[in-house]
């Protein structure tokens, strides 16, 4: 699961993507109603699926900012308008919807976006060979569980299964995302027999995430949290300092805002 998000009302930020976003596809896409409030966009669509997917990735690379995630969703939507079962477009749509849910500020809007995210993840994982598809499927379930607590008990085993499948397919996807995801679940879930929480397993998974992708700040941040939970205070402080160092560059500004609450919690 991702770190706690900056709770900014999505509706207030969507309009910012009008200048930077991809235009509406010629055929109706699955997210046309969701994107309708954005209004017309003058910039022409890239030609072809490959260019659209690249544009979706370029927008998402800016980090968890609503305007860029809406732009990324527009581009994935354009591919899905032509090819509703396109796995590559589906996981990119799931990625955008996940972050939009995190940024929505909770409540019904976040729950709706997370539900849409879970739905499109079914397309992203249909062939069974997309590590990114299973990774974002698990995150989408986590986003839904955050805002619909009564569903969490049923979603958690599915999250673990999706995370394990992503790990088997590609442990390096999204900066060692499967290890980070599973480690976060084991770290934050209640312990057995109530749930799957296990500090030893959390340390194992998050240690692997740090080993595989030490320069991704979120890995260091989760690692610091796990070390603190294991009462390894000095090591936790060192990991937190490394996370802050990695976040202290302009291109990580949006991520730093997303994780700010977790940083402050660890400092207390």
C-alpha atoms as a PDB file:
ATOM      1  CA  UNK A   1       0.000   0.000   0.000  1.00  0.00           C
ATOM      2  CA  UNK A   2       1.136   3.435  -0.686  1.00  0.00           C
ATOM      3  CA  UNK A   3       1.899   5.943   2.038  1.00  0.00           C
ATOM      4  CA  UNK A   4      -0.839   8.274   3.262  1.00  0.00           C
ATOM      5  CA  UNK A   5      -1.929  10.728   0.584  1.00  0.00           C
ATOM      6  CA  UNK A   6      -2.402  14.448   0.523  1.00  0.00           C
ATOM      7  CA  UNK A   7      -6.150  14.792   0.784  1.00  0.00           C
ATOM      8  CA  UNK A   8      -6.981  17.378  -1.874  1.00  0.00           C
ATOM      9  CA  UNK A   9     -10.492  17.447  -3.374  1.00  0.00           C
ATOM     10  CA  UNK A  10     -10.155  16.011  -6.861  1.00  0.00           C
ATOM     11  CA  UNK A  11     -12.863  18.217  -8.320  1.00  0.00           C
ATOM     12  CA  UNK A  12     -10.863  21.341  -7.454  1.00  0.00           C
ATOM     13  CA  UNK A  13      -7.782  20.119  -9.283  1.00  0.00           C
ATOM     14  CA  UNK A  14      -9.139  18.428 -12.394  1.00  0.00           C
ATOM     15  CA  UNK A  15      -9.508  21.637 -14.327  1.00  0.00           C
ATOM     16  CA  UNK A  16      -5.762  22.195 -14.243  1.00  0.00           C
ATOM     17  CA  UNK A  17      -5.261  19.314 -16.659  1.00  0.00           C
ATOM     18  CA  UNK A  18      -7.170  21.006 -19.467  1.00  0.00           C
ATOM     19  CA  UNK A  19      -4.070  22.810 -20.697  1.00  0.00           C
ATOM     20  CA  UNK A  20      -1.761  19.824 -20.394  1.00  0.00           C
ATOM     21  CA  UNK A  21      -4.006  16.824 -21.031  1.00  0.00           C
ATOM     22  CA  UNK A  22      -4.695  14.623 -23.999  1.00  0.00           C
ATOM     23  CA  UNK A  23      -7.844  15.389 -25.993  1.00  0.00           C
ATOM     24  CA  UNK A  24     -10.916  13.196 -25.976  1.00  0.00           C
ATOM     25  CA  UNK A  25     -10.802  10.121 -28.245  1.00  0.00           C
ATOM     26  CA  UNK A  26     -12.966  10.042 -31.357  1.00  0.00           C
ATOM     27  CA  UNK A  27     -14.806   6.952 -30.117  1.00  0.00           C
ATOM     28  CA  UNK A  28     -16.424   6.843 -26.685  1.00  0.00           C
ATOM     29  CA  UNK A  29     -14.037   5.623 -24.019  1.00  0.00           C
ATOM     30  CA  UNK A  30     -14.945   3.974 -20.706  1.00  0.00           C
ATOM     31  CA  UNK A  31     -13.975   7.065 -18.732  1.00  0.00           C
ATOM     32  CA  UNK A  32     -15.645   9.712 -20.889  1.00  0.00           C
ATOM     33  CA  UNK A  33     -18.265  10.475 -18.194  1.00  0.00           C
ATOM     34  CA  UNK A  34     -15.565  10.815 -15.538  1.00  0.00           C
ATOM     35  CA  UNK A  35     -13.523  13.111 -17.778  1.00  0.00           C
ATOM     36  CA  UNK A  36     -16.461  15.113 -19.113  1.00  0.00           C
ATOM     37  CA  UNK A  37     -16.081  17.916 -16.585  1.00  0.00           C
ATOM     38  CA  UNK A  38     -12.612  18.696 -17.895  1.00  0.00           C
ATOM     39  CA  UNK A  39     -13.979  20.385 -21.005  1.00  0.00           C
ATOM     40  CA  UNK A  40     -12.373  20.475 -24.476  1.00  0.00           C
ATOM     41  CA  UNK A  41      -8.628  20.091 -24.900  1.00  0.00           C
ATOM     42  CA  UNK A  42      -7.007  21.656 -27.931  1.00  0.00           C
ATOM     43  CA  UNK A  43      -3.801  19.612 -28.078  1.00  0.00           C
ATOM     44  CA  UNK A  44      -4.210  16.739 -30.571  1.00  0.00           C
ATOM     45  CA  UNK A  45      -3.911  13.132 -29.520  1.00  0.00           C
ATOM     46  CA  UNK A  46      -0.724  11.281 -30.354  1.00  0.00           C
ATOM     47  CA  UNK A  47      -1.153   8.880 -33.245  1.00  0.00           C
ATOM     48  CA  UNK A  48      -1.446   5.213 -32.385  1.00  0.00           C
ATOM     49  CA  UNK A  49      -1.444   3.060 -29.289  1.00  0.00           C
ATOM     50  CA  UNK A  50       2.300   3.174 -28.680  1.00  0.00           C
ATOM     51  CA  UNK A  51       2.381   6.968 -28.644  1.00  0.00           C
ATOM     52  CA  UNK A  52      -0.693   7.156 -26.415  1.00  0.00           C
ATOM     53  CA  UNK A  53       0.780   4.749 -23.886  1.00  0.00           C
ATOM     54  CA  UNK A  54       4.046   6.689 -23.904  1.00  0.00           C
ATOM     55  CA  UNK A  55       2.100   9.895 -23.290  1.00  0.00           C
ATOM     56  CA  UNK A  56       0.279   8.234 -20.385  1.00  0.00           C
ATOM     57  CA  UNK A  57       3.617   7.231 -18.859  1.00  0.00           C
ATOM     58  CA  UNK A  58       5.105  10.672 -19.418  1.00  0.00           C
ATOM     59  CA  UNK A  59       2.221  12.288 -17.546  1.00  0.00           C
ATOM     60  CA  UNK A  60       2.358   9.784 -14.686  1.00  0.00           C
ATOM     61  CA  UNK A  61       6.112  10.286 -14.347  1.00  0.00           C
ATOM     62  CA  UNK A  62       5.420  13.746 -12.928  1.00  0.00           C
ATOM     63  CA  UNK A  63       4.160  12.032  -9.787  1.00  0.00           C
ATOM     64  CA  UNK A  64       0.926  12.018  -7.804  1.00  0.00           C
ATOM     65  CA  UNK A  65      -0.578  15.284  -8.961  1.00  0.00           C
ATOM     66  CA  UNK A  66      -4.200  15.306 -10.029  1.00  0.00           C
ATOM     67  CA  UNK A  67      -3.655  17.232 -13.261  1.00  0.00           C
ATOM     68  CA  UNK A  68      -1.034  14.790 -14.534  1.00  0.00           C
ATOM     69  CA  UNK A  69      -2.930  11.692 -13.461  1.00  0.00           C
ATOM     70  CA  UNK A  70      -6.033  12.942 -15.252  1.00  0.00           C
ATOM     71  CA  UNK A  71      -3.908  13.485 -18.341  1.00  0.00           C
ATOM     72  CA  UNK A  72      -2.548   9.946 -18.039  1.00  0.00           C
ATOM     73  CA  UNK A  73      -6.091   8.603 -17.695  1.00  0.00           C
ATOM     74  CA  UNK A  74      -7.171  10.509 -20.808  1.00  0.00           C
ATOM     75  CA  UNK A  75      -4.464   8.833 -22.845  1.00  0.00           C
ATOM     76  CA  UNK A  76      -5.268   5.353 -21.532  1.00  0.00           C
ATOM     77  CA  UNK A  77      -8.942   6.078 -22.149  1.00  0.00           C
ATOM     78  CA  UNK A  78      -8.195   6.845 -25.794  1.00  0.00           C
ATOM     79  CA  UNK A  79      -6.600   3.423 -26.263  1.00  0.00           C
ATOM     80  CA  UNK A  80      -9.411   1.658 -24.411  1.00  0.00           C
ATOM     81  CA  UNK A  81     -11.945   3.418 -26.635  1.00  0.00           C
ATOM     82  CA  UNK A  82     -10.498   1.515 -29.601  1.00  0.00           C
ATOM     83  CA  UNK A  83      -9.446  -1.637 -27.753  1.00  0.00           C
ATOM     84  CA  UNK A  84     -11.470  -2.214 -24.568  1.00  0.00           C
ATOM     85  CA  UNK A  85      -9.431  -5.296 -23.641  1.00  0.00           C
ATOM     86  CA  UNK A  86      -6.015  -3.691 -24.073  1.00  0.00           C
ATOM     87  CA  UNK A  87      -3.980  -4.863 -21.085  1.00  0.00           C
ATOM     88  CA  UNK A  88      -1.281  -2.195 -21.375  1.00  0.00           C
ATOM     89  CA  UNK A  89      -3.834   0.616 -21.397  1.00  0.00           C
ATOM     90  CA  UNK A  90      -5.804  -1.039 -18.595  1.00  0.00           C
ATOM     91  CA  UNK A  91      -2.993  -1.073 -16.054  1.00  0.00           C
ATOM     92  CA  UNK A  92      -2.136   2.518 -16.911  1.00  0.00           C
ATOM     93  CA  UNK A  93      -5.761   3.470 -16.314  1.00  0.00           C
ATOM     94  CA  UNK A  94      -5.621   1.594 -13.000  1.00  0.00           C
ATOM     95  CA  UNK A  95      -2.477   3.505 -12.037  1.00  0.00           C
ATOM     96  CA  UNK A  96      -4.118   6.854 -12.721  1.00  0.00           C
ATOM     97  CA  UNK A  97      -7.344   5.908 -10.945  1.00  0.00           C
ATOM     98  CA  UNK A  98      -5.429   4.666  -7.910  1.00  0.00           C
ATOM     99  CA  UNK A  99      -3.592   7.939  -7.442  1.00  0.00           C
ATOM    100  CA  UNK A 100      -6.714   9.971  -8.140  1.00  0.00           C
ATOM    101  CA  UNK A 101      -8.455   7.978  -5.414  1.00  0.00           C
ATOM    102  CA  UNK A 102      -5.587   8.684  -3.028  1.00  0.00           C
ATOM    103  CA  UNK A 103      -5.785  12.387  -3.855  1.00  0.00           C
ATOM    104  CA  UNK A 104      -9.560  12.622  -3.619  1.00  0.00           C
ATOM    105  CA  UNK A 105      -9.726  13.247   0.100  1.00  0.00           C
ATOM    106  CA  UNK A 106     -11.696  10.179   1.145  1.00  0.00           C
ATOM    107  CA  UNK A 107     -15.438   9.706   1.080  1.00  0.00           C
ATOM    108  CA  UNK A 108     -17.630   8.682  -1.824  1.00  0.00           C
ATOM    109  CA  UNK A 109     -15.422  10.192  -4.525  1.00  0.00           C
ATOM    110  CA  UNK A 110     -12.389   8.217  -3.406  1.00  0.00           C
ATOM    111  CA  UNK A 111     -14.491   5.060  -3.039  1.00  0.00           C
ATOM    112  CA  UNK A 112     -15.900   5.437  -6.561  1.00  0.00           C
ATOM    113  CA  UNK A 113     -12.470   5.974  -8.094  1.00  0.00           C
ATOM    114  CA  UNK A 114     -11.090   2.955  -6.232  1.00  0.00           C
ATOM    115  CA  UNK A 115     -14.004   0.815  -7.444  1.00  0.00           C
ATOM    116  CA  UNK A 116     -13.333   1.899 -11.035  1.00  0.00           C
ATOM    117  CA  UNK A 117      -9.690   1.070 -10.444  1.00  0.00           C
ATOM    118  CA  UNK A 118     -10.537  -2.453  -9.293  1.00  0.00           C
ATOM    119  CA  UNK A 119     -12.832  -2.963 -12.286  1.00  0.00           C
ATOM    120  CA  UNK A 120     -10.224  -2.011 -14.892  1.00  0.00           C
ATOM    121  CA  UNK A 121      -7.628  -4.102 -13.043  1.00  0.00           C
ATOM    122  CA  UNK A 122      -9.622  -7.157 -14.078  1.00  0.00           C
ATOM    123  CA  UNK A 123      -8.725  -6.301 -17.674  1.00  0.00           C
ATOM    124  CA  UNK A 124      -5.115  -5.566 -16.752  1.00  0.00           C
ATOM    125  CA  UNK A 125      -4.677  -8.982 -15.122  1.00  0.00           C
ATOM    126  CA  UNK A 126      -6.797 -11.108 -17.452  1.00  0.00           C
ATOM    127  CA  UNK A 127      -3.896 -12.734 -19.278  1.00  0.00           C
ATOM    128  CA  UNK A 128      -2.066 -13.425 -16.022  1.00  0.00           C
ATOM    129  CA  UNK A 129       1.307 -12.128 -17.217  1.00  0.00           C
ATOM    130  CA  UNK A 130       1.335  -8.425 -16.296  1.00  0.00           C
ATOM    131  CA  UNK A 131       3.309  -7.651 -13.143  1.00  0.00           C
ATOM    132  CA  UNK A 132       2.216  -4.020 -13.310  1.00  0.00           C
ATOM    133  CA  UNK A 133      -1.393  -5.125 -13.708  1.00  0.00           C
ATOM    134  CA  UNK A 134      -1.337  -7.251 -10.560  1.00  0.00           C
ATOM    135  CA  UNK A 135       0.621  -4.620  -8.625  1.00  0.00           C
ATOM    136  CA  UNK A 136      -1.873  -1.861  -9.365  1.00  0.00           C
ATOM    137  CA  UNK A 137      -4.779  -4.251  -8.824  1.00  0.00           C
ATOM    138  CA  UNK A 138      -3.548  -4.764  -5.267  1.00  0.00           C
ATOM    139  CA  UNK A 139      -3.094  -1.031  -4.722  1.00  0.00           C
ATOM    140  CA  UNK A 140      -6.608  -0.377  -6.011  1.00  0.00           C
ATOM    141  CA  UNK A 141      -7.998  -2.840  -3.482  1.00  0.00           C
ATOM    142  CA  UNK A 142      -6.018  -1.090  -0.780  1.00  0.00           C
ATOM    143  CA  UNK A 143      -7.418   2.270  -1.808  1.00  0.00           C
ATOM    144  CA  UNK A 144     -10.942   0.875  -1.621  1.00  0.00           C
ATOM    145  CA  UNK A 145     -10.283  -0.707   1.773  1.00  0.00           C
ATOM    146  CA  UNK A 146      -9.088   2.624   3.159  1.00  0.00           C
ATOM    147  CA  UNK A 147     -12.435   4.280   2.506  1.00  0.00           C
ATOM    148  CA  UNK A 148     -14.763   1.286   2.860  1.00  0.00           C
ATOM    149  CA  UNK A 149     -13.554  -0.436   6.021  1.00  0.00           C
ATOM    150  CA  UNK A 150     -16.313  -3.059   5.971  1.00  0.00           C
ATOM    151  CA  UNK A 151     -14.894  -4.371   2.692  1.00  0.00           C
ATOM    152  CA  UNK A 152     -11.310  -4.488   3.947  1.00  0.00           C
ATOM    153  CA  UNK A 153     -11.456  -7.965   5.487  1.00  0.00           C
ATOM    154  CA  UNK A 154     -12.497  -9.459   2.147  1.00  0.00           C
ATOM    155  CA  UNK A 155     -10.081  -7.405   0.083  1.00  0.00           C
ATOM    156  CA  UNK A 156      -6.945  -8.118   2.116  1.00  0.00           C
ATOM    157  CA  UNK A 157      -6.437 -11.755   1.008  1.00  0.00           C
ATOM    158  CA  UNK A 158      -6.968 -10.681  -2.602  1.00  0.00           C
ATOM    159  CA  UNK A 159      -4.376  -7.939  -2.169  1.00  0.00           C
ATOM    160  CA  UNK A 160      -1.840 -10.440  -0.867  1.00  0.00           C
ATOM    161  CA  UNK A 161      -2.561 -12.843  -3.733  1.00  0.00           C
ATOM    162  CA  UNK A 162      -2.186 -10.076  -6.322  1.00  0.00           C
ATOM    163  CA  UNK A 163       1.027  -8.883  -4.688  1.00  0.00           C
ATOM    164  CA  UNK A 164       2.496 -12.379  -4.688  1.00  0.00           C
ATOM    165  CA  UNK A 165       1.602 -12.850  -8.344  1.00  0.00           C
ATOM    166  CA  UNK A 166       3.245  -9.531  -9.222  1.00  0.00           C
ATOM    167  CA  UNK A 167       6.325 -10.636  -7.283  1.00  0.00           C
ATOM    168  CA  UNK A 168       6.540 -13.910  -9.195  1.00  0.00           C
ATOM    169  CA  UNK A 169       6.219 -12.095 -12.521  1.00  0.00           C
ATOM    170  CA  UNK A 170       8.675  -9.260 -11.871  1.00  0.00           C
ATOM    171  CA  UNK A 171      10.040  -8.291  -8.440  1.00  0.00           C
ATOM    172  CA  UNK A 172      11.565  -5.112  -9.895  1.00  0.00           C
ATOM    173  CA  UNK A 173       8.388  -3.582 -11.327  1.00  0.00           C
ATOM    174  CA  UNK A 174       7.635  -0.059 -10.016  1.00  0.00           C
ATOM    175  CA  UNK A 175      10.836   0.219  -7.951  1.00  0.00           C
ATOM    176  CA  UNK A 176      10.525  -3.248  -6.362  1.00  0.00           C
ATOM    177  CA  UNK A 177       6.836  -2.543  -5.866  1.00  0.00           C
ATOM    178  CA  UNK A 178       5.709  -6.119  -5.071  1.00  0.00           C
ATOM    179  CA  UNK A 179       8.161  -6.419  -2.169  1.00  0.00           C
ATOM    180  CA  UNK A 180       7.154  -2.961  -0.917  1.00  0.00           C
ATOM    181  CA  UNK A 181       3.456  -3.754  -1.245  1.00  0.00           C
ATOM    182  CA  UNK A 182       3.660  -7.068   0.594  1.00  0.00           C
ATOM    183  CA  UNK A 183       5.962  -5.619   3.224  1.00  0.00           C
ATOM    184  CA  UNK A 184       3.537  -2.776   3.829  1.00  0.00           C
ATOM    185  CA  UNK A 185       0.639  -5.201   4.242  1.00  0.00           C
ATOM    186  CA  UNK A 186       2.528  -7.390   6.710  1.00  0.00           C
ATOM    187  CA  UNK A 187       3.708  -4.289   8.574  1.00  0.00           C
ATOM    188  CA  UNK A 188       0.377  -2.511   8.944  1.00  0.00           C
ATOM    189  CA  UNK A 189      -2.191  -5.314   9.087  1.00  0.00           C
ATOM    190  CA  UNK A 190      -3.239  -6.680  12.501  1.00  0.00           C
ATOM    191  CA  UNK A 191      -1.255  -9.727  13.580  1.00  0.00           C
ATOM    192  CA  UNK A 192      -2.418 -13.343  13.297  1.00  0.00           C
ATOM    193  CA  UNK A 193      -4.993 -14.720  14.072  1.00  0.00           C
ATOM    194  CA  UNK A 194      -6.892 -11.498  13.411  1.00  0.00           C
ATOM    195  CA  UNK A 195      -5.140 -10.858  10.096  1.00  0.00           C
ATOM    196  CA  UNK A 196      -1.861 -11.392   8.240  1.00  0.00           C
ATOM    197  CA  UNK A 197       0.345  -8.913  10.109  1.00  0.00           C
ATOM    198  CA  UNK A 198       3.862 -10.256  10.702  1.00  0.00           C
ATOM    199  CA  UNK A 199       6.785  -7.976  11.564  1.00  0.00           C
ATOM    200  CA  UNK A 200       9.389 -10.571  10.588  1.00  0.00           C
ATOM    201  CA  UNK A 201       7.837 -11.035   7.153  1.00  0.00           C
ATOM    202  CA  UNK A 202       7.511  -7.263   6.814  1.00  0.00           C
ATOM    203  CA  UNK A 203      11.222  -6.826   7.520  1.00  0.00           C
ATOM    204  CA  UNK A 204      12.074  -9.546   5.000  1.00  0.00           C
ATOM    205  CA  UNK A 205       9.985  -8.055   2.197  1.00  0.00           C
ATOM    206  CA  UNK A 206      10.931  -4.431   2.852  1.00  0.00           C
ATOM    207  CA  UNK A 207      14.593  -5.340   3.215  1.00  0.00           C
ATOM    208  CA  UNK A 208      14.420  -6.859  -0.272  1.00  0.00           C
ATOM    209  CA  UNK A 209      12.702  -3.731  -1.604  1.00  0.00           C
ATOM    210  CA  UNK A 210      15.520  -1.563  -0.244  1.00  0.00           C
ATOM    211  CA  UNK A 211      18.166  -3.932  -1.594  1.00  0.00           C
ATOM    212  CA  UNK A 212      16.634  -3.968  -5.087  1.00  0.00           C
ATOM    213  CA  UNK A 213      15.699  -0.280  -5.332  1.00  0.00           C
ATOM    214  CA  UNK A 214      17.569   1.689  -2.644  1.00  0.00           C
ATOM    215  CA  UNK A 215      17.132   5.000  -4.460  1.00  0.00           C
ATOM    216  CA  UNK A 216      13.330   4.947  -4.291  1.00  0.00           C
ATOM    217  CA  UNK A 217      12.383   6.999  -1.239  1.00  0.00           C
ATOM    218  CA  UNK A 218       9.204   5.061  -0.476  1.00  0.00           C
ATOM    219  CA  UNK A 219      11.230   1.894   0.050  1.00  0.00           C
ATOM    220  CA  UNK A 220      13.410   3.673   2.593  1.00  0.00           C
ATOM    221  CA  UNK A 221      10.332   5.169   4.253  1.00  0.00           C
ATOM    222  CA  UNK A 222       8.604   1.818   4.706  1.00  0.00           C
ATOM    223  CA  UNK A 223      11.904   0.303   5.833  1.00  0.00           C
ATOM    224  CA  UNK A 224      12.222   3.005   8.493  1.00  0.00           C
ATOM    225  CA  UNK A 225       8.686   2.288   9.698  1.00  0.00           C
ATOM    226  CA  UNK A 226       9.404  -1.444   9.930  1.00  0.00           C
ATOM    227  CA  UNK A 227      12.662  -0.879  11.799  1.00  0.00           C
ATOM    228  CA  UNK A 228      10.881   1.426  14.233  1.00  0.00           C
ATOM    229  CA  UNK A 229       8.192  -1.221  14.787  1.00  0.00           C
ATOM    230  CA  UNK A 230      10.994  -3.700  15.527  1.00  0.00           C
ATOM    231  CA  UNK A 231      12.491  -1.253  18.058  1.00  0.00           C
ATOM    232  CA  UNK A 232      15.642  -0.711  15.983  1.00  0.00           C
ATOM    233  CA  UNK A 233      15.504   3.010  16.545  1.00  0.00           C
ATOM    234  CA  UNK A 234      18.924   4.097  15.296  1.00  0.00           C
ATOM    235  CA  UNK A 235      18.578   2.110  12.083  1.00  0.00           C
ATOM    236  CA  UNK A 236      15.098   3.536  11.603  1.00  0.00           C
ATOM    237  CA  UNK A 237      16.431   7.076  11.936  1.00  0.00           C
ATOM    238  CA  UNK A 238      19.113   6.373   9.347  1.00  0.00           C
ATOM    239  CA  UNK A 239      16.562   4.977   6.889  1.00  0.00           C
ATOM    240  CA  UNK A 240      14.276   7.958   7.448  1.00  0.00           C
ATOM    241  CA  UNK A 241      17.153  10.357   6.846  1.00  0.00           C
ATOM    242  CA  UNK A 242      17.915   8.561   3.586  1.00  0.00           C
ATOM    243  CA  UNK A 243      14.262   8.770   2.534  1.00  0.00           C
ATOM    244  CA  UNK A 244      14.236  12.507   3.209  1.00  0.00           C
ATOM    245  CA  UNK A 245      17.466  12.958   1.259  1.00  0.00           C
ATOM    246  CA  UNK A 246      15.991  11.161  -1.737  1.00  0.00           C
ATOM    247  CA  UNK A 247      12.825  13.273  -1.571  1.00  0.00           C
ATOM    248  CA  UNK A 248      14.713  16.568  -1.393  1.00  0.00           C
ATOM    249  CA  UNK A 249      14.970  17.052  -5.159  1.00  0.00           C
ATOM    250  CA  UNK A 250      12.527  18.976  -7.381  1.00  0.00           C
ATOM    251  CA  UNK A 251      11.332  15.947  -9.340  1.00  0.00           C
ATOM    252  CA  UNK A 252      10.246  14.257  -6.096  1.00  0.00           C
ATOM    253  CA  UNK A 253       8.201  17.211  -4.805  1.00  0.00           C
ATOM    254  CA  UNK A 254       4.806  15.638  -5.474  1.00  0.00           C
ATOM    255  CA  UNK A 255       5.885  12.380  -3.869  1.00  0.00           C
ATOM    256  CA  UNK A 256       7.241  14.249  -0.853  1.00  0.00           C
ATOM    257  CA  UNK A 257       3.848  15.873  -0.368  1.00  0.00           C
ATOM    258  CA  UNK A 258       2.152  12.488  -0.630  1.00  0.00           C
ATOM    259  CA  UNK A 259       4.392  10.979   2.054  1.00  0.00           C
ATOM    260  CA  UNK A 260       4.681  14.037   4.317  1.00  0.00           C
ATOM    261  CA  UNK A 261       2.323  12.692   6.987  1.00  0.00           C
ATOM    262  CA  UNK A 262       4.274   9.433   7.221  1.00  0.00           C
ATOM    263  CA  UNK A 263       7.554  11.297   7.581  1.00  0.00           C
ATOM    264  CA  UNK A 264       6.167  13.437  10.371  1.00  0.00           C
ATOM    265  CA  UNK A 265       4.706  10.406  12.146  1.00  0.00           C
ATOM    266  CA  UNK A 266       8.101   8.697  12.156  1.00  0.00           C
ATOM    267  CA  UNK A 267       9.767  11.795  13.552  1.00  0.00           C
ATOM    268  CA  UNK A 268       7.577  11.837  16.669  1.00  0.00           C
END
